[in-house]
Amino acid sequence: MNVLIIGSGGREHALAWKIKRSPKLSKLFIAPGNAGTELLGSNVNIGVSDFQKIKTLVIKEKIELVIVGPEVPLVEGIHDFFLNDIELKKVGVIGPVQQGAMLEGSKDFAKEFMIRHKIPTAAYQTFTAETLKQGIDFLKTLNPPYVLKADGLAAGKGVIISESFEEAKTELTAMLGDKKFGEASAKVVIEEFLDGIELSVFVLTDGKSYKILPLAKDYKRIGEGDTGLNTGGMGSISHVPFADDELMQKIESQIIKPTIKGLISEKINYKGFIFFGLINVRDNPYVIEYNARMGDPEAESVIPRIKNDFLELLVATAENRLEETKIEIDTRQTAAIMLVAGGYPGSYEKGKVISGLENNQDSIIFHAGTRTNPETGEIITNGGRVLAITSYGNTMQEALGKSYKIAEKINFEGKNYRKDLGKDLISYE
């Protein structure tokens, strides 16, 4: 089987790494890919939103399955594009249609979906530039901290948590009045703050049945102790020690099942991953957000724990046969440490030479923002999040220790990473 993965980050490298192991695979293509994926298949220089060029590639290379990594092409309707094209409609696509992708593409849509299907989430209201004054008035009714979310896609950076009313008022004005996040903040969702500990839950669904994948805990803030700006993610750990059987039963009955039933009842064609960003508040789970794809950096700790032939699972999803399969999970712990460029998530430079990549005997190095310099053959930085270092361990500390050991040996100018991952979980082990 010929397979195409769309995307260029660590998530896509993790998908390629796993799919490459399948005996069902004939040829693997990644568009556009990175310096890591080119070692596993053929990188093709096509943008994730260039649907016509993707079509040409699929037809030319007789591709039978397309796996959409990032959220942007899903929200732009790539699955609908395939379904509506006579030459492409029989090609399997892993990723929801545009309406399903709106669970991630619009915070307001997701909130309304949760309310309709009685899925636990924080109380909220949505505001626009025209209703800015009402938004400020709503802030006055809440207790700090204040949670402001850009309605649209903002690369994981569209959430502001303000400790004071004045700061929240300034941020709301910047988001709505000054378009701080562009069109993504044309609407802003203001939520009540939920105090608890977060976790990431993933399911793979064919639109009827679903399989729960390994859980993860990710770290979004740039600074240690969860301080500083939000990023796309500074690392992840799988499994999650506080997610016991009782909590998982609540998550499945109160959140996962109602979400799948809701999609079915609203006739939304959903084949692919659903990411549930959850918070555990006094042993009760609430949905913070949905994503319409695998998380990143969670994929780098979750996918290595799936023992199945992953391509077989994805084909079963595309063919509505997921119910016939059984997920096999590696019981070991994994930890993924993200190395990022200096200045990230603010402005940063690209093109820094990366050294020490050969020092990975005990770990897997997943490339994210990298490319190969065509003139020198050197691997150089090409994004804010550069590499994810994933290790197995019998305990969380063992897995983290292995990843941190490799993190010290890899170098590029401006390298930065958090050194406190997992510290918030020690008391639960």
Protein backbone atom coordinates (compact mmCIF):
# COMPACT_ATOMS: atom_id res chain seq x y z
CA MET A 1 0.00 0.00 0.00
CA ASN A 2 1.23 3.49 -0.89
CA VAL A 3 0.65 6.03 1.90
CA LEU A 4 0.87 9.83 2.15
CA ILE A 5 1.35 11.70 5.42
CA ILE A 6 0.55 15.42 5.25
CA GLY A 7 2.59 17.66 7.54
CA SER A 8 6.14 18.53 8.60
CA GLY A 9 6.37 18.32 12.39
CA GLY A 10 7.28 15.91 15.14
CA ARG A 11 3.82 14.34 15.03
CA GLU A 12 4.28 13.51 11.34
CA HIS A 13 7.74 12.04 11.96
CA ALA A 14 6.26 9.86 14.73
CA LEU A 15 3.49 8.70 12.37
CA ALA A 16 6.02 7.94 9.64
CA TRP A 17 8.32 6.11 12.08
CA LYS A 18 5.46 3.84 13.15
CA ILE A 19 3.91 3.26 9.72
CA LYS A 20 7.34 2.44 8.25
CA ARG A 21 7.33 -0.69 10.42
CA SER A 22 4.21 -2.11 8.77
CA PRO A 23 4.64 -5.02 6.33
CA LYS A 24 1.57 -3.65 4.52
CA LEU A 25 3.52 -0.53 3.45
CA SER A 26 4.91 -0.32 -0.08
CA LYS A 27 5.86 3.35 -0.47
CA LEU A 28 5.67 6.21 2.02
CA PHE A 29 5.40 9.87 1.02
CA ILE A 30 5.46 12.88 3.36
CA ALA A 31 4.38 16.35 2.23
CA PRO A 32 6.34 18.45 2.94
CA GLY A 33 8.14 16.46 5.66
CA ASN A 34 11.41 17.32 7.42
CA ALA A 35 14.98 16.07 7.77
CA GLY A 36 13.81 13.11 9.85
CA THR A 37 10.99 11.90 7.63
CA GLU A 38 13.24 11.89 4.55
CA LEU A 39 15.09 8.95 6.11
CA LEU A 40 11.84 6.95 6.21
CA GLY A 41 10.17 7.81 2.91
CA SER A 42 10.03 10.37 0.12
CA ASN A 43 9.58 14.00 1.11
CA VAL A 44 7.54 15.96 -1.43
CA ASN A 45 7.73 19.75 -1.42
CA ILE A 46 3.99 20.46 -1.33
CA GLY A 47 2.28 22.74 1.18
CA VAL A 48 -0.33 21.21 3.47
CA SER A 49 -3.05 23.44 1.97
CA ASP A 50 -2.19 22.94 -1.70
CA PHE A 51 -5.01 20.49 -2.41
CA GLN A 52 -4.54 20.45 -6.20
CA LYS A 53 -0.87 19.47 -5.96
CA ILE A 54 -1.75 16.88 -3.34
CA LYS A 55 -4.33 15.45 -5.77
CA THR A 56 -1.74 15.25 -8.55
CA LEU A 57 0.67 13.41 -6.23
CA VAL A 58 -2.01 10.96 -5.03
CA ILE A 59 -3.00 10.04 -8.58
CA LYS A 60 0.56 9.86 -9.92
CA GLU A 61 1.86 7.66 -7.10
CA LYS A 62 -1.32 5.55 -6.74
CA ILE A 63 -1.65 6.50 -3.07
CA GLU A 64 -4.40 4.56 -1.27
CA LEU A 65 -4.35 6.18 2.19
CA VAL A 66 -3.79 9.80 3.23
CA ILE A 67 -3.12 10.68 6.88
CA VAL A 68 -3.63 14.36 7.67
CA GLY A 69 -1.32 15.43 10.50
CA PRO A 70 -1.98 19.14 11.20
CA GLU A 71 -5.24 20.94 11.86
CA VAL A 72 -5.11 23.62 9.14
CA PRO A 73 -5.88 21.42 6.08
CA LEU A 74 -8.63 19.66 8.06
CA VAL A 75 -10.31 22.95 8.95
CA GLU A 76 -9.89 24.01 5.31
CA GLY A 77 -11.78 20.88 4.20
CA ILE A 78 -9.22 18.50 2.70
CA HIS A 79 -11.35 15.43 3.45
CA ASP A 80 -14.36 17.08 1.76
CA PHE A 81 -12.11 17.86 -1.21
CA PHE A 82 -11.34 14.14 -1.59
CA LEU A 83 -14.96 13.06 -1.14
CA ASN A 84 -16.19 15.54 -3.75
CA ASP A 85 -13.59 14.59 -6.40
CA ILE A 86 -14.49 11.63 -8.62
CA GLU A 87 -10.82 10.63 -8.94
CA LEU A 88 -10.11 10.81 -5.20
CA LYS A 89 -13.30 9.75 -3.42
CA LYS A 90 -12.20 6.12 -3.02
CA VAL A 91 -8.88 7.12 -1.41
CA GLY A 92 -8.95 6.61 2.37
CA VAL A 93 -8.45 9.79 4.40
CA ILE A 94 -7.62 9.79 8.12
CA GLY A 95 -9.01 13.07 9.42
CA PRO A 96 -12.56 14.42 9.79
CA VAL A 97 -14.56 16.36 7.24
CA GLN A 98 -14.60 20.14 7.64
CA GLN A 99 -17.66 20.20 9.92
CA GLY A 100 -16.02 17.71 12.29
CA ALA A 101 -12.75 19.67 12.24
CA MET A 102 -14.68 22.66 13.58
CA LEU A 103 -14.45 21.00 16.99
CA GLU A 104 -10.93 22.41 16.84
CA GLY A 105 -11.41 25.18 14.29
CA SER A 106 -13.92 27.11 16.42
CA LYS A 107 -13.91 27.21 20.23
CA ASP A 108 -17.46 28.57 20.09
CA PHE A 109 -18.65 25.65 17.89
CA ALA A 110 -16.98 23.18 20.27
CA LYS A 111 -18.58 24.77 23.33
CA GLU A 112 -22.04 24.71 21.75
CA PHE A 113 -21.50 21.04 20.78
CA MET A 114 -20.59 20.17 24.37
CA ILE A 115 -23.61 21.99 25.76
CA ARG A 116 -25.94 20.23 23.28
CA HIS A 117 -24.61 16.82 24.26
CA LYS A 118 -24.26 17.48 28.00
CA ILE A 119 -20.48 17.04 28.03
CA PRO A 120 -18.87 18.61 31.14
CA THR A 121 -16.95 21.81 30.38
CA ALA A 122 -16.34 25.24 31.93
CA ALA A 123 -19.10 27.88 31.85
CA TYR A 124 -18.46 30.42 29.09
CA GLN A 125 -19.70 33.24 26.86
CA THR A 126 -18.51 34.32 23.40
CA PHE A 127 -17.88 37.93 22.32
CA THR A 128 -16.95 39.92 19.19
CA ALA A 129 -15.51 43.40 18.63
CA GLU A 130 -19.08 44.72 18.56
CA THR A 131 -19.79 43.21 21.99
CA LEU A 132 -16.45 44.10 23.62
CA LYS A 133 -18.17 46.15 26.35
CA GLN A 134 -20.42 43.19 27.24
CA GLY A 135 -17.30 41.02 27.36
CA ILE A 136 -15.67 43.38 29.87
CA ASP A 137 -18.88 43.33 31.91
CA PHE A 138 -18.84 39.51 31.85
CA LEU A 139 -15.27 39.51 33.15
CA LYS A 140 -16.50 41.49 36.16
CA THR A 141 -18.81 38.60 37.09
CA LEU A 142 -15.93 36.09 37.24
CA ASN A 143 -13.26 35.45 39.83
CA PRO A 144 -9.59 35.49 38.75
CA PRO A 145 -7.76 34.01 37.01
CA TYR A 146 -9.54 34.82 33.73
CA VAL A 147 -9.39 32.52 30.69
CA LEU A 148 -9.57 34.11 27.22
CA LYS A 149 -9.52 31.91 24.10
CA ALA A 150 -9.27 33.00 20.48
CA ASP A 151 -12.14 31.27 18.68
CA GLY A 152 -10.10 30.17 15.64
CA LEU A 153 -6.77 28.44 15.04
CA ALA A 154 -3.79 30.19 16.60
CA ALA A 155 -1.08 27.49 16.51
CA GLY A 156 -1.65 26.57 20.15
CA LYS A 157 -0.92 30.12 21.32
CA GLY A 158 -4.42 31.65 21.36
CA VAL A 159 -5.18 31.10 25.05
CA ILE A 160 -4.51 33.85 27.58
CA ILE A 161 -4.81 33.28 31.34
CA SER A 162 -4.79 36.59 33.23
CA GLU A 163 -4.40 36.90 36.97
CA SER A 164 -5.99 40.35 37.27
CA PHE A 165 -9.14 42.00 35.90
CA GLU A 166 -7.18 44.91 34.42
CA GLU A 167 -4.80 42.55 32.59
CA ALA A 168 -7.77 40.48 31.31
CA LYS A 169 -9.51 43.65 30.11
CA THR A 170 -6.36 44.76 28.26
CA GLU A 171 -5.90 41.33 26.65
CA LEU A 172 -9.56 41.10 25.60
CA THR A 173 -9.31 44.52 24.00
CA ALA A 174 -6.11 43.49 22.18
CA MET A 175 -7.69 40.28 20.92
CA LEU A 176 -10.98 41.74 19.73
CA GLY A 177 -10.17 45.38 19.06
CA ASP A 178 -6.57 45.09 17.83
CA LYS A 179 -6.82 41.53 16.35
CA LYS A 180 -3.88 40.26 18.40
CA PHE A 181 -4.32 36.81 16.82
CA GLY A 182 -5.67 38.06 13.49
CA GLU A 183 -8.93 36.53 12.30
CA ALA A 184 -8.54 33.77 14.90
CA SER A 185 -9.60 36.28 17.56
CA ALA A 186 -12.47 37.88 15.63
CA LYS A 187 -14.45 36.03 18.29
CA VAL A 188 -13.19 35.34 21.82
CA VAL A 189 -14.51 32.77 24.27
CA ILE A 190 -14.30 33.80 27.93
CA GLU A 191 -14.39 30.83 30.30
CA GLU A 192 -14.53 30.30 34.02
CA PHE A 193 -11.18 29.07 35.33
CA LEU A 194 -11.09 25.41 36.38
CA ASP A 195 -8.51 24.50 39.01
CA GLY A 196 -7.09 21.02 38.54
CA ILE A 197 -4.48 18.97 36.69
CA GLU A 198 -4.59 18.48 32.92
CA LEU A 199 -4.30 15.35 30.80
CA SER A 200 -4.61 14.48 27.13
CA VAL A 201 -6.86 11.62 26.00
CA PHE A 202 -6.89 10.35 22.41
CA VAL A 203 -9.27 8.13 20.50
CA LEU A 204 -9.15 6.75 17.00
CA THR A 205 -12.65 6.51 15.49
CA ASP A 206 -14.17 5.36 12.20
CA GLY A 207 -17.31 7.38 12.95
CA LYS A 208 -19.12 4.49 14.63
CA SER A 209 -16.73 2.72 17.01
CA TYR A 210 -13.59 3.99 18.71
CA LYS A 211 -10.39 2.84 20.38
CA ILE A 212 -8.80 4.68 23.29
CA LEU A 213 -5.07 5.26 22.72
CA PRO A 214 -2.44 5.74 25.47
CA LEU A 215 -2.98 8.84 27.61
CA ALA A 216 -0.44 11.64 27.92
CA LYS A 217 0.37 14.73 29.95
CA ASP A 218 1.81 17.62 27.98
CA TYR A 219 3.54 20.83 29.03
CA LYS A 220 2.47 23.98 27.19
CA ARG A 221 4.27 26.84 28.95
CA ILE A 222 7.78 27.84 27.87
CA GLY A 223 9.09 28.27 31.41
CA GLU A 224 9.77 25.82 34.21
CA GLY A 225 7.06 25.59 36.84
CA ASP A 226 4.51 26.19 34.05
CA THR A 227 5.42 29.86 33.70
CA GLY A 228 5.70 32.17 30.70
CA LEU A 229 4.00 32.10 27.34
CA ASN A 230 1.99 29.23 25.89
CA THR A 231 3.78 27.22 23.20
CA GLY A 232 2.78 24.43 20.87
CA GLY A 233 4.10 22.11 23.59
CA MET A 234 7.43 21.60 25.37
CA GLY A 235 7.18 17.86 25.90
CA SER A 236 4.91 15.05 27.01
CA ILE A 237 4.76 11.98 29.23
CA SER A 238 2.76 8.77 28.80
CA HIS A 239 1.19 7.16 30.83
CA VAL A 240 -0.54 9.50 33.32
CA PRO A 241 -0.21 8.24 36.93
CA PHE A 242 -3.33 9.95 38.33
CA ALA A 243 -5.62 8.57 35.58
CA ASP A 244 -6.85 5.52 37.49
CA ASP A 245 -9.65 3.16 36.42
CA GLU A 246 -12.33 5.19 38.19
CA LEU A 247 -11.34 8.43 36.45
CA MET A 248 -11.08 6.66 33.08
CA GLN A 249 -14.59 5.22 33.50
CA LYS A 250 -15.89 8.76 34.06
CA ILE A 251 -13.96 10.07 31.04
CA GLU A 252 -15.35 7.36 28.79
CA SER A 253 -18.97 7.55 29.99
CA GLN A 254 -19.25 11.33 30.44
CA ILE A 255 -17.02 12.59 27.61
CA ILE A 256 -15.88 10.07 24.98
CA LYS A 257 -19.17 8.22 24.42
CA PRO A 258 -21.32 11.41 24.33
CA THR A 259 -18.87 12.97 21.85
CA ILE A 260 -19.03 10.00 19.47
CA LYS A 261 -22.82 9.74 19.83
CA GLY A 262 -23.08 13.50 19.24
CA LEU A 263 -21.09 13.28 16.01
CA ILE A 264 -23.28 10.40 14.82
CA SER A 265 -26.52 12.19 15.73
CA GLU A 266 -25.40 15.34 13.89
CA LYS A 267 -24.41 13.21 10.86
CA ILE A 268 -20.79 14.42 10.95
CA ASN A 269 -18.47 12.09 9.00
CA TYR A 270 -15.58 11.67 11.41
CA LYS A 271 -12.73 9.27 10.60
CA GLY A 272 -9.56 9.90 12.48
CA PHE A 273 -8.21 11.07 15.81
CA ILE A 274 -10.01 13.05 18.47
CA PHE A 275 -7.85 14.75 21.08
CA PHE A 276 -9.63 15.52 24.34
CA GLY A 277 -7.78 18.18 26.32
CA LEU A 278 -9.12 17.48 29.80
CA ILE A 279 -8.74 18.80 33.32
CA ASN A 280 -9.27 16.68 36.42
CA VAL A 281 -11.09 18.78 39.02
CA ARG A 282 -11.45 16.87 42.31
CA ASP A 283 -11.69 13.54 40.43
CA ASN A 284 -14.21 14.87 37.90
CA PRO A 285 -13.13 15.35 34.25
CA TYR A 286 -13.99 18.46 32.21
CA VAL A 287 -13.21 19.21 28.57
CA ILE A 288 -10.90 22.20 28.06
CA GLU A 289 -10.64 21.74 24.30
CA TYR A 290 -10.99 19.34 21.40
CA ASN A 291 -8.40 18.83 18.68
CA ALA A 292 -9.32 17.11 15.42
CA ARG A 293 -5.97 15.29 15.09
CA MET A 294 -3.20 13.73 17.13
CA GLY A 295 -1.57 16.13 19.53
CA ASP A 296 1.99 17.34 19.18
CA PRO A 297 4.15 16.73 21.28
CA GLU A 298 1.84 14.03 22.68
CA ALA A 299 2.15 11.92 19.51
CA GLU A 300 5.86 11.54 20.22
CA SER A 301 5.15 9.78 23.54
CA VAL A 302 1.82 8.10 22.65
CA ILE A 303 2.57 6.48 19.27
CA PRO A 304 5.69 4.61 20.50
CA ARG A 305 3.46 2.86 23.09
CA ILE A 306 1.09 1.40 20.46
CA LYS A 307 2.22 -2.16 19.74
CA ASN A 308 -0.18 -2.84 16.85
CA ASP A 309 0.60 -2.62 13.16
CA PHE A 310 -0.45 1.04 13.07
CA LEU A 311 -1.11 1.08 9.34
CA GLU A 312 -3.51 -1.83 9.80
CA LEU A 313 -5.43 0.18 12.42
CA LEU A 314 -5.64 3.21 10.11
CA VAL A 315 -6.85 1.12 7.16
CA ALA A 316 -9.53 -0.42 9.41
CA THR A 317 -10.56 3.12 10.36
CA ALA A 318 -10.84 4.20 6.73
CA GLU A 319 -12.86 1.06 5.90
CA ASN A 320 -15.24 1.27 8.90
CA ARG A 321 -13.78 -1.90 10.42
CA LEU A 322 -12.24 -0.47 13.58
CA GLU A 323 -14.62 -2.44 15.81
CA GLU A 324 -12.94 -5.66 14.61
CA THR A 325 -9.53 -4.58 15.93
CA LYS A 326 -7.96 -4.60 19.37
CA ILE A 327 -5.46 -2.02 20.64
CA GLU A 328 -2.27 -3.41 22.20
CA ILE A 329 -0.40 -1.03 24.50
CA ASP A 330 3.22 -1.19 25.66
CA THR A 331 3.16 -1.05 29.47
CA ARG A 332 6.42 0.89 29.65
CA GLN A 333 6.54 4.63 30.33
CA THR A 334 7.59 7.10 27.63
CA ALA A 335 8.85 10.66 27.94
CA ALA A 336 9.33 13.15 25.09
CA ILE A 337 11.47 16.25 25.66
CA MET A 338 11.14 19.08 23.11
CA LEU A 339 14.23 21.06 22.13
CA VAL A 340 13.25 24.51 20.89
CA ALA A 341 14.92 27.48 19.22
CA GLY A 342 16.16 30.39 21.29
CA GLY A 343 13.43 33.04 21.52
CA TYR A 344 10.57 30.60 20.86
CA PRO A 345 7.55 31.09 21.11
CA GLY A 346 8.47 34.66 20.20
CA SER A 347 10.79 35.55 17.33
CA TYR A 348 13.63 33.12 16.63
CA GLU A 349 16.23 32.40 13.96
CA LYS A 350 16.35 29.41 11.63
CA GLY A 351 19.28 27.74 9.88
CA LYS A 352 21.32 26.77 12.96
CA VAL A 353 23.43 23.64 12.46
CA ILE A 354 22.40 20.71 14.67
CA SER A 355 25.11 18.39 16.04
CA GLY A 356 25.04 15.27 18.22
CA LEU A 357 22.14 13.53 16.50
CA GLU A 358 24.11 10.30 16.42
CA ASN A 359 23.91 10.15 20.25
CA ASN A 360 20.58 8.32 20.35
CA GLN A 361 21.31 4.72 21.29
CA ASP A 362 18.68 4.62 24.06
CA SER A 363 16.16 7.05 22.56
CA ILE A 364 14.16 7.98 19.46
CA ILE A 365 14.80 11.42 18.00
CA PHE A 366 11.75 12.80 16.26
CA HIS A 367 12.40 15.78 14.00
CA ALA A 368 10.00 18.73 14.05
CA GLY A 369 11.45 22.01 12.74
CA THR A 370 14.40 20.67 10.76
CA ARG A 371 15.60 20.46 7.18
CA THR A 372 18.69 19.28 5.37
CA ASN A 373 20.94 21.95 3.90
CA PRO A 374 21.13 20.89 0.23
CA GLU A 375 24.60 22.37 -0.19
CA THR A 376 26.35 20.93 2.87
CA GLY A 377 24.15 17.98 3.80
CA GLU A 378 24.01 19.29 7.37
CA ILE A 379 20.74 19.14 9.32
CA ILE A 380 19.69 22.64 10.36
CA THR A 381 16.88 24.19 12.38
CA ASN A 382 13.75 25.19 10.46
CA GLY A 383 11.17 26.05 13.12
CA GLY A 384 10.51 27.00 16.72
CA ARG A 385 10.15 23.45 17.99
CA VAL A 386 13.15 21.62 16.59
CA LEU A 387 13.44 18.06 17.96
CA ALA A 388 11.58 15.73 20.33
CA ILE A 389 13.63 13.16 22.21
CA THR A 390 11.56 10.14 23.28
CA SER A 391 12.69 7.36 25.60
CA TYR A 392 11.15 4.26 27.17
CA GLY A 393 11.52 3.41 30.82
CA ASN A 394 10.09 1.10 33.44
CA THR A 395 9.32 4.25 35.43
CA MET A 396 8.66 7.87 34.51
CA GLN A 397 11.96 8.93 36.07
CA GLU A 398 13.90 6.34 34.06
CA ALA A 399 12.30 7.48 30.77
CA LEU A 400 12.90 11.15 31.59
CA GLY A 401 16.48 10.47 32.63
CA LYS A 402 17.28 8.83 29.29
CA SER A 403 15.70 11.69 27.30
CA TYR A 404 17.46 14.40 29.31
CA LYS A 405 20.80 12.62 28.87
CA ILE A 406 20.39 12.80 25.07
CA ALA A 407 19.06 16.39 25.26
CA GLU A 408 22.38 17.46 26.79
CA LYS A 409 24.38 15.87 23.96
CA ILE A 410 22.48 17.44 21.05
CA ASN A 411 23.46 21.01 20.28
CA PHE A 412 22.46 23.97 18.14
CA GLU A 413 22.83 27.67 18.76
CA GLY A 414 20.12 28.94 21.11
CA LYS A 415 18.94 25.45 22.19
CA ASN A 416 16.36 25.59 24.98
CA TYR A 417 14.28 22.98 26.78
CA ARG A 418 12.38 22.57 30.02
CA LYS A 419 14.19 20.62 32.70
CA ASP A 420 11.23 20.06 35.04
CA LEU A 421 8.94 17.75 33.08
CA GLY A 422 7.19 15.21 35.28
CA LYS A 423 7.85 17.00 38.57
CA ASP A 424 4.13 17.72 38.95
CA LEU A 425 3.40 13.98 38.67
CA ILE A 426 5.87 12.58 41.22
CA SER A 427 3.33 12.70 44.07
CA TYR A 428 0.92 10.52 42.07
CA GLU A 429 3.34 7.68 41.33
